[in-house]
Amino acid sequence: MSFQSREEVRRQKQLEEARKAGTAEAERDEEAAYTNKSLAADEIIAAEPKLTYDAKRDRYGGYTGDDFMLQIKEYEAAQLERKKQKQREQQHLLQQQEPAAAERRQLKQQRRLRRQKRRAEKLLKQQKKEEKQAAKKAAAEAAAAAAAAAEAQAAGDDPEAAAAAAEAASAAAKAAAAAEAAEDEEESDEEERDSDTDSDTDTDTDSDGSNEEEDKGYSGIKLKEFDKTSAPVECTDERSRINTRDLRIREDTAKYLLNLDLNSAFYDPKSRSMREDPFKHLSQQIKPTFRGDNALLQAGEVKATQQLQLFAWEAYKHGQNVHFNAQPTQLEFLYKEHQKKKAQIETEKQKNIFDTYGGKEHLVADTRVLYAQTEAYVEYSKDGRILRGRQRTLTKSKYEEDVLQGSHTSVWGSYYDVATSKWGYACCRLTSFAAECTGRLEDNITMESLGLTSSEAAAAPAAAAGAAAKGGASAAAAAPAAADHAAEARDAAEE
């Protein structure tokens, strides 16, 4: 968009307002041949609609009626196909659920038969009970009639009364026998029901049972047989109900109750954390398992997680698009590959060092050292510390004992030079460890062995030169003095 001045902007606004009001000509497209406003209404209606595909809206514009009917038919066919597919899925689901449904129907039929059987047994029991009560009542009436007839016979010897008394006695005997037979039959039926192994009455969970069955508990005892205080009545009040799942069962002691000392570790109630160890004043042997929350930061997989986080930062710094939280699987794989390559590099580096300098045999421990045994008496404590019996041996020297160096016939340290305070070899009296043995003591006379200082040693050549210049007499006089001095130093060293 090019720059417009204030006057051009004002004219543009006026033109837009005039177009909105209809007083100005509509805006024309420079690329289009014409616009809708340049055509008459009848020309627009008479024009044939052209089927064009609108890719943005994924539809055809300007379609005819036939095209519309075609779309309707396609839609109806798709709807019919979806309905058939749904019916097939339902039929397949019913086929899968048929075994379970058949089993449920069979169980329902069994429960229905059990209910019918229980009802029949209940009716039979009630009938027997009524018959038993009627027999007892008839026996009582017959006994009363027999007693009355006996009283009448005792009052007067009437033959008719005697016959009636005999008949009443026989009827009472028959009624008593019938009552005993009914009791025996009822007891036998109860024993058969008790010995029956069918547990349908115990496992039946029907909800349409009789009121008497609902009043019974799991053991067949009616709840009304208990008193009101001991009956296990369910509480329906939501305010006084206690759910077991909401109760918190605490098996361990809280952190703030481990050490009640006011100067012990601080407990933060907001974060529920105790950073320090509340038992730091105790020894390691009697400390409990809890050592503070800071100890947990160094236990388990915490260190491995921290190393993985550091690796993620370093990898991202060097161009790897990884993140600890967003891509944990990829980060774990890269870390394993990095560790593998690092181990390979370390192995190759160690191998090159061994190939260059050797010493690989020292990595394998000698079995004679590993399995060595000794008769030294040592006492150990329970934690493995040495109590008594083995003292630490002090190292006598850093040099190997009884080992001759070079061509020397004596070991290093067999001679000590008092003048220079140095150790040496007794065979040649040399104080240099790497020197070769000469075997002659005369070759080992030095300025230090003669007892001369560094200044005297520096002035000795000049004095000798001056003596040579003065004459042979003075040189001859100086030589015996030097020899005597060397002999005295040698004697002092031997002492």
Protein backbone atom coordinates (compact mmCIF):
# COMPACT_ATOMS: atom_id res chain seq x y z
CA MET A 1 0.00 0.00 0.00
CA SER A 2 1.48 3.28 -1.11
CA PHE A 3 1.60 6.41 1.00
CA GLN A 4 -1.55 8.60 0.92
CA SER A 5 -1.74 12.18 1.90
CA ARG A 6 -4.37 13.61 4.19
CA GLU A 7 -6.37 14.95 1.24
CA GLU A 8 -6.37 11.58 -0.55
CA VAL A 9 -7.59 9.82 2.58
CA ARG A 10 -10.42 12.35 2.94
CA ARG A 11 -11.51 11.85 -0.69
CA GLN A 12 -11.39 8.04 -0.28
CA LYS A 13 -13.70 8.21 2.76
CA GLN A 14 -16.15 10.46 0.91
CA LEU A 15 -16.23 8.04 -2.04
CA GLU A 16 -16.93 5.06 0.24
CA GLU A 17 -19.77 6.93 1.96
CA ALA A 18 -21.26 7.85 -1.43
CA ARG A 19 -21.09 4.22 -2.60
CA LYS A 20 -22.85 3.10 0.58
CA ALA A 21 -25.57 5.70 -0.01
CA GLY A 22 -25.93 4.63 -3.67
CA THR A 23 -25.10 8.04 -5.13
CA ALA A 24 -21.74 6.94 -6.54
CA GLU A 25 -20.88 4.21 -9.01
CA ALA A 26 -19.97 0.82 -7.63
CA GLU A 27 -16.35 -0.20 -7.47
CA ARG A 28 -15.17 -2.12 -10.53
CA ASP A 29 -12.69 -4.92 -10.61
CA GLU A 30 -9.86 -4.13 -12.99
CA GLU A 31 -9.34 -7.80 -13.91
CA ALA A 32 -13.04 -8.81 -14.20
CA ALA A 33 -15.01 -8.08 -17.38
CA TYR A 34 -18.09 -6.93 -15.45
CA THR A 35 -19.70 -6.96 -12.04
CA ASN A 36 -23.22 -7.68 -10.88
CA LYS A 37 -24.15 -4.03 -10.78
CA SER A 38 -23.13 -3.55 -14.40
CA LEU A 39 -25.72 -6.16 -15.51
CA ALA A 40 -29.49 -6.02 -15.46
CA ALA A 41 -31.54 -8.24 -13.18
CA ASP A 42 -33.04 -10.29 -16.04
CA GLU A 43 -29.61 -10.94 -17.47
CA ILE A 44 -28.42 -12.35 -14.16
CA ILE A 45 -31.48 -14.64 -13.84
CA ALA A 46 -31.37 -15.81 -17.44
CA ALA A 47 -27.74 -16.84 -17.26
CA GLU A 48 -27.21 -20.64 -17.03
CA PRO A 49 -25.75 -21.76 -13.72
CA LYS A 50 -22.27 -23.15 -14.09
CA LEU A 51 -21.07 -26.02 -11.87
CA THR A 52 -17.85 -24.80 -10.25
CA TYR A 53 -15.94 -26.51 -7.44
CA ASP A 54 -15.13 -24.41 -4.41
CA ALA A 55 -11.99 -25.98 -2.94
CA LYS A 56 -12.05 -23.79 0.14
CA ARG A 57 -15.52 -24.96 1.21
CA ASP A 58 -15.24 -28.39 -0.45
CA ARG A 59 -18.55 -28.14 -2.33
CA TYR A 60 -19.97 -27.41 -5.75
CA GLY A 61 -21.67 -24.12 -6.41
CA GLY A 62 -24.35 -23.47 -9.00
CA TYR A 63 -25.51 -27.11 -9.23
CA THR A 64 -28.77 -28.06 -10.95
CA GLY A 65 -31.80 -29.92 -9.58
CA ASP A 66 -30.57 -33.24 -10.95
CA ASP A 67 -27.33 -32.83 -9.12
CA PHE A 68 -29.27 -32.03 -5.95
CA MET A 69 -31.40 -35.18 -6.32
CA LEU A 70 -28.23 -37.19 -6.93
CA GLN A 71 -26.78 -35.92 -3.68
CA ILE A 72 -29.99 -36.80 -1.84
CA LYS A 73 -29.89 -40.36 -3.21
CA GLU A 74 -26.25 -40.73 -2.21
CA TYR A 75 -27.08 -39.45 1.27
CA GLU A 76 -30.00 -41.87 1.62
CA ALA A 77 -27.85 -44.78 0.42
CA ALA A 78 -25.17 -43.86 2.93
CA GLN A 79 -27.76 -43.65 5.71
CA LEU A 80 -29.14 -47.07 4.75
CA GLU A 81 -25.64 -48.55 4.73
CA ARG A 82 -24.91 -47.09 8.17
CA LYS A 83 -28.17 -48.56 9.50
CA LYS A 84 -27.32 -51.99 8.10
CA GLN A 85 -23.83 -51.76 9.56
CA LYS A 86 -25.28 -50.89 12.96
CA GLN A 87 -27.66 -53.87 12.75
CA ARG A 88 -24.78 -56.18 11.86
CA GLU A 89 -22.76 -54.89 14.80
CA GLN A 90 -25.68 -55.41 17.17
CA GLN A 91 -26.22 -58.93 15.86
CA HIS A 92 -22.53 -59.72 16.29
CA LEU A 93 -22.65 -58.33 19.83
CA LEU A 94 -25.69 -60.47 20.64
CA GLN A 95 -23.92 -63.53 19.31
CA GLN A 96 -20.98 -62.79 21.57
CA GLN A 97 -23.25 -62.23 24.57
CA GLU A 98 -25.48 -65.28 23.88
CA PRO A 99 -23.56 -67.74 26.16
CA ALA A 100 -23.66 -65.35 29.08
CA ALA A 101 -27.35 -64.59 28.47
CA ALA A 102 -28.17 -68.30 28.29
CA GLU A 103 -26.33 -68.88 31.54
CA ARG A 104 -28.24 -66.03 33.18
CA ARG A 105 -31.56 -67.45 31.94
CA GLN A 106 -30.62 -70.87 33.29
CA LEU A 107 -29.71 -69.42 36.69
CA LYS A 108 -32.97 -67.48 36.74
CA GLN A 109 -34.92 -70.66 35.98
CA GLN A 110 -33.10 -72.50 38.75
CA ARG A 111 -33.90 -69.74 41.22
CA ARG A 112 -37.57 -69.86 40.18
CA LEU A 113 -37.68 -73.62 40.75
CA ARG A 114 -36.03 -73.25 44.13
CA ARG A 115 -38.59 -70.64 45.15
CA GLN A 116 -41.43 -72.94 44.10
CA LYS A 117 -39.87 -75.81 46.03
CA ARG A 118 -39.52 -73.69 49.15
CA ARG A 119 -43.12 -72.52 48.90
CA ALA A 120 -44.34 -76.14 48.52
CA GLU A 121 -42.26 -77.24 51.50
CA LYS A 122 -43.62 -74.36 53.52
CA LEU A 123 -47.23 -75.27 52.69
CA LEU A 124 -46.60 -78.94 53.47
CA LYS A 125 -45.03 -78.02 56.77
CA GLN A 126 -47.98 -75.80 57.64
CA GLN A 127 -50.44 -78.58 56.77
CA LYS A 128 -48.56 -81.08 58.92
CA LYS A 129 -48.47 -78.61 61.75
CA GLU A 130 -52.22 -78.08 61.54
CA GLU A 131 -52.85 -81.85 61.37
CA LYS A 132 -50.64 -82.35 64.41
CA GLN A 133 -52.51 -79.71 66.36
CA ALA A 134 -55.87 -81.25 65.35
CA ALA A 135 -54.71 -84.72 66.42
CA LYS A 136 -53.55 -83.38 69.77
CA LYS A 137 -56.87 -81.62 70.24
CA ALA A 138 -58.83 -84.80 69.33
CA ALA A 139 -56.70 -86.87 71.71
CA ALA A 140 -57.36 -84.39 74.50
CA GLU A 141 -61.10 -84.45 73.84
CA ALA A 142 -61.12 -88.28 73.73
CA ALA A 143 -59.19 -88.44 76.99
CA ALA A 144 -61.68 -86.06 78.57
CA ALA A 145 -64.62 -88.17 77.31
CA ALA A 146 -63.00 -91.35 78.62
CA ALA A 147 -62.48 -89.75 82.01
CA ALA A 148 -66.11 -88.63 82.10
CA ALA A 149 -67.32 -92.11 81.14
CA ALA A 150 -65.16 -93.66 83.84
CA GLU A 151 -66.64 -91.30 86.41
CA ALA A 152 -70.16 -92.19 85.25
CA GLN A 153 -69.38 -95.89 85.45
CA ALA A 154 -68.02 -95.41 88.94
CA ALA A 155 -71.20 -93.56 89.92
CA GLY A 156 -73.52 -96.31 88.67
CA ASP A 157 -73.12 -99.62 86.91
CA ASP A 158 -74.73 -98.55 83.64
CA PRO A 159 -73.88 -100.81 80.67
CA GLU A 160 -74.42 -98.06 78.12
CA ALA A 161 -72.04 -95.72 79.94
CA ALA A 162 -69.43 -98.46 80.12
CA ALA A 163 -69.66 -99.04 76.35
CA ALA A 164 -69.30 -95.32 75.67
CA ALA A 165 -66.25 -95.12 77.95
CA ALA A 166 -64.60 -98.04 76.17
CA GLU A 167 -65.23 -96.45 72.76
CA ALA A 168 -63.82 -93.11 73.94
CA ALA A 169 -60.69 -94.82 75.29
CA SER A 170 -60.06 -96.60 71.98
CA ALA A 171 -60.53 -93.33 70.07
CA ALA A 172 -58.06 -91.56 72.39
CA ALA A 173 -55.50 -94.32 71.83
CA LYS A 174 -55.88 -94.05 68.03
CA ALA A 175 -55.53 -90.25 68.17
CA ALA A 176 -52.37 -90.49 70.28
CA ALA A 177 -50.87 -93.05 67.85
CA ALA A 178 -51.68 -90.79 64.88
CA ALA A 179 -50.02 -87.80 66.60
CA GLU A 180 -46.86 -89.82 67.32
CA ALA A 181 -46.73 -91.04 63.69
CA ALA A 182 -47.06 -87.44 62.43
CA GLU A 183 -44.22 -86.30 64.71
CA ASP A 184 -41.96 -89.14 63.52
CA GLU A 185 -42.68 -88.32 59.85
CA GLU A 186 -41.90 -84.63 60.41
CA GLU A 187 -38.59 -85.44 62.13
CA SER A 188 -37.55 -87.75 59.28
CA ASP A 189 -38.36 -85.03 56.69
CA GLU A 190 -36.27 -82.48 58.60
CA GLU A 191 -33.32 -84.89 58.75
CA GLU A 192 -33.53 -85.46 54.99
CA ARG A 193 -33.53 -81.71 54.34
CA ASP A 194 -30.57 -81.22 56.67
CA SER A 195 -28.57 -83.96 54.96
CA ASP A 196 -29.27 -82.58 51.50
CA THR A 197 -26.09 -81.19 49.89
CA ASP A 198 -27.91 -78.68 47.73
CA SER A 199 -26.83 -75.21 48.88
CA ASP A 200 -29.33 -73.27 46.81
CA THR A 201 -31.08 -71.87 49.86
CA ASP A 202 -27.80 -70.58 51.27
CA THR A 203 -26.55 -68.90 48.09
CA ASP A 204 -29.88 -67.67 46.82
CA THR A 205 -29.92 -63.91 46.44
CA ASP A 206 -33.49 -63.39 45.22
CA SER A 207 -35.06 -60.11 46.14
CA ASP A 208 -38.66 -61.27 45.81
CA GLY A 209 -38.70 -63.64 48.79
CA SER A 210 -41.29 -63.71 51.49
CA ASN A 211 -41.32 -61.38 54.46
CA GLU A 212 -40.28 -64.18 56.75
CA GLU A 213 -37.19 -64.90 54.65
CA GLU A 214 -36.27 -61.22 54.60
CA ASP A 215 -36.45 -61.08 58.38
CA LYS A 216 -33.88 -63.86 58.67
CA GLY A 217 -30.16 -63.26 58.86
CA TYR A 218 -27.33 -65.23 57.23
CA SER A 219 -27.62 -68.00 59.82
CA GLY A 220 -31.39 -68.37 59.52
CA ILE A 221 -32.09 -66.60 62.85
CA LYS A 222 -34.80 -63.98 62.82
CA LEU A 223 -33.80 -60.50 63.76
CA LYS A 224 -36.91 -60.05 65.86
CA GLU A 225 -35.59 -62.71 68.23
CA PHE A 226 -32.92 -60.22 69.37
CA ASP A 227 -33.60 -57.26 71.52
CA LYS A 228 -33.60 -53.77 70.04
CA THR A 229 -30.22 -52.81 71.43
CA SER A 230 -28.30 -55.79 70.02
CA ALA A 231 -30.03 -56.06 66.64
CA PRO A 232 -27.67 -55.03 63.78
CA VAL A 233 -29.92 -52.30 62.36
CA GLU A 234 -28.43 -50.22 59.55
CA CYS A 235 -28.09 -46.50 60.15
CA THR A 236 -29.78 -44.39 57.47
CA ASP A 237 -28.86 -40.97 58.83
CA GLU A 238 -26.15 -39.43 56.66
CA ARG A 239 -24.94 -37.22 59.49
CA SER A 240 -24.12 -40.11 61.82
CA ARG A 241 -22.98 -42.65 59.23
CA ILE A 242 -19.28 -43.59 59.22
CA ASN A 243 -17.76 -45.04 56.08
CA THR A 244 -14.79 -47.31 56.59
CA ARG A 245 -13.15 -46.20 53.34
CA ASP A 246 -12.91 -42.64 54.64
CA LEU A 247 -11.04 -43.66 57.78
CA ARG A 248 -7.27 -43.15 57.69
CA ILE A 249 -5.35 -46.08 59.10
CA ARG A 250 -1.92 -44.77 60.13
CA GLU A 251 0.62 -47.52 60.50
CA ASP A 252 3.73 -45.36 61.07
CA THR A 253 4.47 -42.48 63.39
CA ALA A 254 4.26 -38.95 62.05
CA LYS A 255 7.49 -37.07 61.40
CA TYR A 256 6.77 -34.39 63.99
CA LEU A 257 6.24 -37.05 66.68
CA LEU A 258 9.56 -38.84 66.19
CA ASN A 259 11.53 -36.42 68.36
CA LEU A 260 9.62 -34.09 70.65
CA ASP A 261 12.68 -32.04 71.56
CA LEU A 262 12.17 -28.35 70.74
CA ASN A 263 15.73 -28.07 69.42
CA SER A 264 15.42 -31.02 67.06
CA ALA A 265 14.78 -30.88 63.31
CA PHE A 266 12.26 -28.30 62.10
CA TYR A 267 8.97 -29.55 60.66
CA ASP A 268 7.24 -27.39 58.03
CA PRO A 269 3.48 -28.02 58.27
CA LYS A 270 2.73 -26.34 54.94
CA SER A 271 4.91 -28.64 52.85
CA ARG A 272 4.81 -31.50 55.42
CA SER A 273 8.57 -31.84 55.21
CA MET A 274 11.35 -32.30 57.74
CA ARG A 275 14.63 -31.58 55.99
CA GLU A 276 17.12 -32.38 58.73
CA ASP A 277 17.66 -35.63 60.57
CA PRO A 278 15.73 -35.68 63.86
CA PHE A 279 18.09 -38.37 65.20
CA LYS A 280 21.45 -36.81 64.33
CA HIS A 281 22.49 -36.99 67.99
CA LEU A 282 22.25 -40.80 67.92
CA SER A 283 24.84 -43.23 66.63
CA GLN A 284 24.48 -45.02 63.33
CA GLN A 285 23.80 -48.36 65.02
CA ILE A 286 20.66 -47.25 66.86
CA LYS A 287 19.27 -44.76 64.34
CA PRO A 288 15.84 -45.60 62.88
CA THR A 289 15.13 -45.79 59.18
CA PHE A 290 13.96 -42.19 58.80
CA ARG A 291 16.97 -39.87 58.35
CA GLY A 292 15.20 -36.73 57.16
CA ASP A 293 13.85 -35.68 53.77
CA ASN A 294 17.28 -34.53 52.60
CA ALA A 295 18.53 -38.11 52.86
CA LEU A 296 15.87 -39.14 50.35
CA LEU A 297 17.39 -36.77 47.79
CA GLN A 298 20.49 -38.98 47.71
CA ALA A 299 18.70 -42.34 47.74
CA GLY A 300 17.10 -44.47 45.09
CA GLU A 301 17.04 -43.17 41.52
CA VAL A 302 17.45 -39.51 42.43
CA LYS A 303 21.10 -39.35 41.35
CA ALA A 304 20.34 -41.13 38.08
CA THR A 305 17.53 -38.67 37.37
CA GLN A 306 19.79 -35.71 38.10
CA GLN A 307 22.46 -37.09 35.77
CA LEU A 308 19.81 -37.52 33.08
CA GLN A 309 18.70 -33.90 33.56
CA LEU A 310 22.30 -32.66 33.25
CA PHE A 311 22.77 -34.74 30.11
CA ALA A 312 19.59 -33.20 28.63
CA TRP A 313 20.93 -29.69 29.25
CA GLU A 314 24.32 -30.47 27.76
CA ALA A 315 22.77 -32.20 24.73
CA TYR A 316 20.44 -29.26 24.10
CA LYS A 317 23.40 -26.92 24.39
CA HIS A 318 25.21 -28.86 21.64
CA GLY A 319 22.27 -28.90 19.23
CA GLN A 320 20.22 -31.96 20.25
CA ASN A 321 16.50 -31.22 20.39
CA VAL A 322 15.70 -33.16 23.57
CA HIS A 323 13.84 -32.28 26.74
CA PHE A 324 13.67 -33.99 30.11
CA ASN A 325 9.90 -33.69 30.54
CA ALA A 326 8.65 -33.51 26.95
CA GLN A 327 10.72 -36.36 25.45
CA PRO A 328 11.74 -38.73 28.26
CA THR A 329 11.94 -41.85 26.07
CA GLN A 330 14.14 -40.22 23.46
CA LEU A 331 16.35 -38.71 26.16
CA GLU A 332 16.77 -42.10 27.85
CA PHE A 333 17.75 -43.71 24.54
CA LEU A 334 20.29 -40.96 23.75
CA TYR A 335 21.77 -41.20 27.24
CA LYS A 336 22.24 -44.96 26.91
CA GLU A 337 23.89 -44.52 23.51
CA HIS A 338 26.17 -41.83 24.97
CA GLN A 339 27.18 -44.08 27.87
CA LYS A 340 27.88 -46.95 25.47
CA LYS A 341 30.08 -44.81 23.22
CA LYS A 342 31.88 -43.37 26.24
CA ALA A 343 32.64 -46.86 27.54
CA GLN A 344 33.94 -47.89 24.12
CA ILE A 345 36.25 -44.87 23.98
CA GLU A 346 37.58 -45.57 27.48
CA THR A 347 38.21 -49.21 26.56
CA GLU A 348 40.07 -48.26 23.39
CA LYS A 349 42.13 -45.68 25.27
CA GLN A 350 43.13 -48.21 27.94
CA LYS A 351 43.96 -50.77 25.26
CA ASN A 352 46.23 -48.29 23.46
CA ILE A 353 48.05 -47.50 26.71
CA PHE A 354 48.63 -51.20 27.40
CA ASP A 355 49.82 -51.75 23.83
CA THR A 356 52.28 -48.88 24.16
CA TYR A 357 53.61 -49.30 27.69
CA GLY A 358 52.50 -52.79 28.70
CA GLY A 359 51.59 -53.78 32.25
CA LYS A 360 48.31 -55.53 31.49
CA GLU A 361 49.41 -58.50 33.54
CA HIS A 362 49.23 -56.39 36.71
CA LEU A 363 45.45 -56.09 36.36
CA VAL A 364 45.04 -59.78 37.11
CA ALA A 365 45.60 -60.44 40.80
CA ASP A 366 47.91 -63.26 41.73
CA THR A 367 45.98 -66.20 43.12
CA ARG A 368 48.79 -66.87 45.58
CA VAL A 369 48.16 -63.46 47.10
CA LEU A 370 44.37 -63.82 47.03
CA TYR A 371 44.35 -67.20 48.74
CA ALA A 372 47.36 -66.64 51.01
CA GLN A 373 47.08 -67.92 54.56
CA THR A 374 48.90 -67.00 57.73
CA GLU A 375 48.99 -68.18 61.33
CA ALA A 376 48.92 -64.66 62.77
CA TYR A 377 46.27 -64.35 65.50
CA VAL A 378 43.79 -61.54 64.81
CA GLU A 379 40.56 -60.61 66.63
CA TYR A 380 37.78 -58.81 64.77
CA SER A 381 34.69 -56.95 66.00
CA LYS A 382 31.14 -57.49 64.73
CA ASP A 383 31.46 -54.72 62.14
CA GLY A 384 34.77 -56.12 60.79
CA ARG A 385 37.25 -53.86 62.57
CA ILE A 386 40.50 -55.31 63.95
CA LEU A 387 40.54 -55.27 67.73
CA ARG A 388 43.94 -56.83 68.49
CA GLY A 389 46.48 -59.30 67.16
CA ARG A 390 47.81 -57.52 64.08
CA GLN A 391 49.90 -54.38 64.27
CA ARG A 392 50.89 -52.27 61.35
CA THR A 393 54.42 -53.07 60.11
CA LEU A 394 56.64 -50.05 59.63
CA THR A 395 58.51 -49.74 56.35
CA LYS A 396 62.27 -49.82 56.96
CA SER A 397 63.46 -48.38 53.68
CA LYS A 398 62.20 -47.54 50.23
CA TYR A 399 65.05 -49.61 48.75
CA GLU A 400 64.94 -53.34 48.40
CA GLU A 401 66.97 -55.24 50.97
CA ASP A 402 69.94 -57.47 50.14
CA VAL A 403 69.92 -56.46 46.48
CA LEU A 404 73.25 -55.51 44.84
CA GLN A 405 73.14 -52.61 42.40
CA GLY A 406 75.29 -52.65 39.29
CA SER A 407 78.83 -54.02 39.81
CA HIS A 408 78.97 -53.25 43.53
CA THR A 409 79.89 -55.99 45.95
CA SER A 410 78.04 -54.34 48.87
CA VAL A 411 74.48 -53.07 49.20
CA TRP A 412 73.43 -49.47 49.13
CA GLY A 413 73.56 -47.96 52.63
CA SER A 414 76.47 -50.05 53.88
CA TYR A 415 78.65 -46.91 54.08
CA TYR A 416 77.91 -43.50 55.56
CA ASP A 417 80.06 -40.44 54.80
CA VAL A 418 80.29 -38.30 57.93
CA ALA A 419 81.76 -35.32 56.13
CA THR A 420 78.92 -35.04 53.60
CA SER A 421 76.20 -36.82 55.63
CA LYS A 422 75.43 -39.17 52.75
CA TRP A 423 74.95 -42.89 52.35
CA GLY A 424 76.97 -44.95 49.93
CA TYR A 425 78.59 -48.28 49.10
CA ALA A 426 81.19 -49.80 51.46
CA CYS A 427 83.06 -51.49 48.60
CA CYS A 428 84.09 -48.27 46.87
CA ARG A 429 82.73 -45.63 49.29
CA LEU A 430 80.80 -43.86 46.56
CA THR A 431 77.80 -41.77 47.66
CA SER A 432 76.00 -41.79 44.31
CA PHE A 433 73.32 -44.47 43.96
CA ALA A 434 73.72 -44.82 40.18
CA ALA A 435 77.56 -44.78 40.19
CA GLU A 436 79.51 -47.82 38.99
CA CYS A 437 81.86 -49.54 41.43
CA THR A 438 85.60 -48.77 40.99
CA GLY A 439 86.85 -51.05 43.71
CA ARG A 440 89.76 -48.66 44.70
CA LEU A 441 89.43 -46.37 47.65
CA GLU A 442 92.15 -44.02 46.29
CA ASP A 443 89.90 -43.06 43.38
CA ASN A 444 87.18 -41.93 45.76
CA ILE A 445 89.19 -39.13 47.48
CA THR A 446 87.28 -35.92 46.84
CA MET A 447 87.38 -32.42 48.22
CA GLU A 448 84.42 -33.20 50.46
CA SER A 449 86.10 -36.33 51.82
CA LEU A 450 89.15 -34.23 52.64
CA GLY A 451 86.99 -31.92 54.77
CA LEU A 452 87.39 -28.87 52.55
CA THR A 453 84.60 -26.35 52.25
CA SER A 454 83.29 -25.02 48.96
CA SER A 455 85.45 -21.83 49.23
CA GLU A 456 88.52 -23.81 50.13
CA ALA A 457 87.79 -26.18 47.26
CA ALA A 458 87.63 -23.22 44.89
CA ALA A 459 90.92 -21.78 46.27
CA ALA A 460 92.76 -25.10 46.18
CA PRO A 461 93.56 -25.07 42.42
CA ALA A 462 94.90 -21.51 42.67
CA ALA A 463 97.08 -22.38 45.63
CA ALA A 464 98.42 -25.40 43.81
CA ALA A 465 99.23 -23.28 40.76
CA GLY A 466 101.05 -20.70 42.92
CA ALA A 467 103.03 -23.38 44.64
CA ALA A 468 104.06 -24.82 41.30
CA ALA A 469 105.23 -21.39 40.21
CA LYS A 470 107.32 -20.82 43.31
CA GLY A 471 109.16 -24.04 42.99
CA GLY A 472 109.16 -27.76 43.52
CA ALA A 473 110.18 -27.53 47.15
CA SER A 474 106.96 -25.93 48.26
CA ALA A 475 104.88 -28.40 46.17
CA ALA A 476 106.75 -31.33 47.66
CA ALA A 477 106.09 -29.95 51.12
CA ALA A 478 102.32 -29.53 50.40
CA ALA A 479 101.80 -33.06 49.06
CA PRO A 480 102.66 -34.94 52.30
CA ALA A 481 100.36 -32.60 54.26
CA ALA A 482 97.43 -33.36 51.96
CA ALA A 483 98.07 -37.09 52.17
CA ASP A 484 98.16 -36.95 55.96
CA HIS A 485 94.92 -35.02 56.01
CA ALA A 486 93.20 -37.60 53.78
CA ALA A 487 94.38 -40.45 55.97
CA GLU A 488 92.95 -38.77 59.06
CA ALA A 489 89.57 -38.30 57.34
CA ARG A 490 89.49 -41.96 56.29
CA ASP A 491 90.27 -43.15 59.80
CA ALA A 492 87.50 -40.95 61.19
CA ALA A 493 85.01 -42.41 58.71
CA GLU A 494 85.98 -45.98 59.62
CA GLU A 495 85.52 -45.23 63.31
